[in-house]
Protein backbone atom coordinates (compact mmCIF):
# COMPACT_ATOMS: atom_id res chain seq x y z
CA UNK A 1 -4.12 4.35 -17.53
CA UNK A 2 -2.13 1.12 -17.12
CA UNK A 3 -0.24 1.78 -20.34
CA UNK A 4 0.61 5.31 -19.24
CA UNK A 5 1.89 4.06 -15.87
CA UNK A 6 3.94 1.40 -17.64
CA UNK A 7 5.50 3.91 -20.02
CA UNK A 8 6.24 6.31 -17.20
CA UNK A 9 7.81 3.48 -15.21
CA UNK A 10 9.97 2.43 -18.18
CA UNK A 11 11.12 6.01 -18.74
CA UNK A 12 11.94 6.42 -15.04
CA UNK A 13 13.81 3.09 -15.11
CA UNK A 14 15.96 4.26 -18.03
CA UNK A 15 16.67 7.57 -16.31
CA UNK A 16 17.64 5.72 -13.12
CA UNK A 17 19.96 3.44 -15.11
CA UNK A 18 21.77 6.41 -16.65
CA UNK A 19 21.99 8.16 -13.29
CA UNK A 20 23.32 4.98 -11.69
CA UNK A 21 25.99 4.67 -14.35
CA UNK A 22 27.08 8.26 -13.80
CA UNK A 23 27.12 7.68 -10.04
CA UNK A 24 29.30 4.57 -10.40
CA UNK A 25 31.75 6.49 -12.57
CA UNK A 26 31.85 9.28 -9.98
CA UNK A 27 32.43 6.72 -7.21
CA UNK A 28 35.43 5.27 -9.07
CA UNK A 29 37.18 8.60 -8.91
CA UNK A 30 38.09 8.94 -5.26
CA UNK A 31 37.83 12.73 -5.26
CA UNK A 32 34.20 12.71 -6.44
CA UNK A 33 33.11 9.86 -4.11
CA UNK A 34 31.06 12.21 -1.84
CA UNK A 35 29.06 13.24 -4.90
CA UNK A 36 28.71 9.71 -6.29
CA UNK A 37 27.27 8.04 -3.19
CA UNK A 38 24.16 10.28 -2.86
CA UNK A 39 23.56 9.96 -6.60
CA UNK A 40 23.77 6.18 -6.28
CA UNK A 41 21.19 6.29 -3.50
CA UNK A 42 18.93 8.49 -5.64
CA UNK A 43 19.25 6.04 -8.54
CA UNK A 44 18.24 3.17 -6.23
CA UNK A 45 15.15 5.08 -5.09
CA UNK A 46 14.26 5.84 -8.71
CA UNK A 47 14.56 2.13 -9.60
CA UNK A 48 12.18 1.30 -6.75
CA UNK A 49 9.64 3.89 -7.91
CA UNK A 50 9.91 2.71 -11.50
CA UNK A 51 9.21 -0.90 -10.58
CA UNK A 52 6.26 0.13 -8.40
CA UNK A 53 4.81 2.09 -11.32
CA UNK A 54 5.07 -0.91 -13.62
CA UNK A 55 3.51 -3.40 -11.19
CA UNK A 56 -0.21 -3.61 -10.36
CA UNK A 57 -1.26 -1.82 -7.17
CA UNK A 58 -1.98 -5.05 -5.28
CA UNK A 59 1.59 -6.24 -5.89
CA UNK A 60 3.32 -2.90 -5.39
CA UNK A 61 1.44 -1.98 -2.17
CA UNK A 62 0.04 -5.19 -0.67
CA UNK A 63 -0.51 -3.75 2.81
CA UNK A 64 -2.44 -0.70 1.58
CA UNK A 65 -4.56 -2.83 -0.74
CA UNK A 66 -5.29 -5.40 1.95
CA UNK A 67 -6.11 -2.71 4.49
CA UNK A 68 -8.61 -1.12 2.11
CA UNK A 69 -10.16 -4.49 1.27
CA UNK A 70 -10.37 -5.54 4.94
CA UNK A 71 -12.12 -2.29 5.92
CA UNK A 72 -14.81 -2.97 3.32
CA UNK A 73 -15.26 -6.56 4.52
CA UNK A 74 -15.42 -5.46 8.19
CA UNK A 75 -18.10 -2.88 7.38
CA UNK A 76 -20.13 -5.52 5.55
CA UNK A 77 -19.74 -7.98 8.46
CA UNK A 78 -20.88 -5.34 10.97
CA UNK A 79 -24.00 -4.67 8.95
CA UNK A 80 -24.79 -8.38 8.68
CA UNK A 81 -24.12 -9.01 12.37
CA UNK A 82 -26.25 -6.03 13.41
CA UNK A 83 -29.21 -7.34 11.41
CA UNK A 84 -28.78 -10.82 12.89
CA UNK A 85 -28.65 -9.50 16.48
CA UNK A 86 -31.85 -7.51 16.02
CA UNK A 87 -33.75 -10.56 14.79
CA UNK A 88 -32.45 -12.84 17.58
CA UNK A 89 -33.22 -10.66 20.61
CA UNK A 90 -35.74 -12.67 22.65
CA UNK A 91 -36.84 -9.96 25.07
CA UNK A 92 -37.49 -7.27 22.56
CA UNK A 93 -34.12 -5.67 23.21
CA UNK A 94 -34.36 -5.59 27.05
CA UNK A 95 -31.26 -6.46 29.08
CA UNK A 96 -31.21 -9.92 30.69
CA UNK A 97 -31.59 -8.60 34.26
CA UNK A 98 -34.77 -6.72 33.33
CA UNK A 99 -36.22 -9.80 31.65
CA UNK A 100 -35.43 -11.84 34.78
CA UNK A 101 -37.21 -9.34 37.02
CA UNK A 102 -40.11 -8.94 34.54
CA UNK A 103 -39.73 -5.17 34.53
């Protein structure tokens, strides 16, 4: 799968390079400038997508990866904390005011 993503990223990078070259040539001719600028923006977006395809997920999307990892760690911590609270309850789970009144 990594090889396929890398090849797809390289192909997209080459396509973006050709599109960028055409866009620069269109921008040089003043008459076709309104057509060249959107193509240049599209080439930039394609370069960004190509690089993200070639990089590992943790590098390309650090926030998404960290968010996913932190959710797993938080779930594990909640489970551990819940088990610890159940074993440490001195009054068998009664609130403190009931234990004080011996109800």
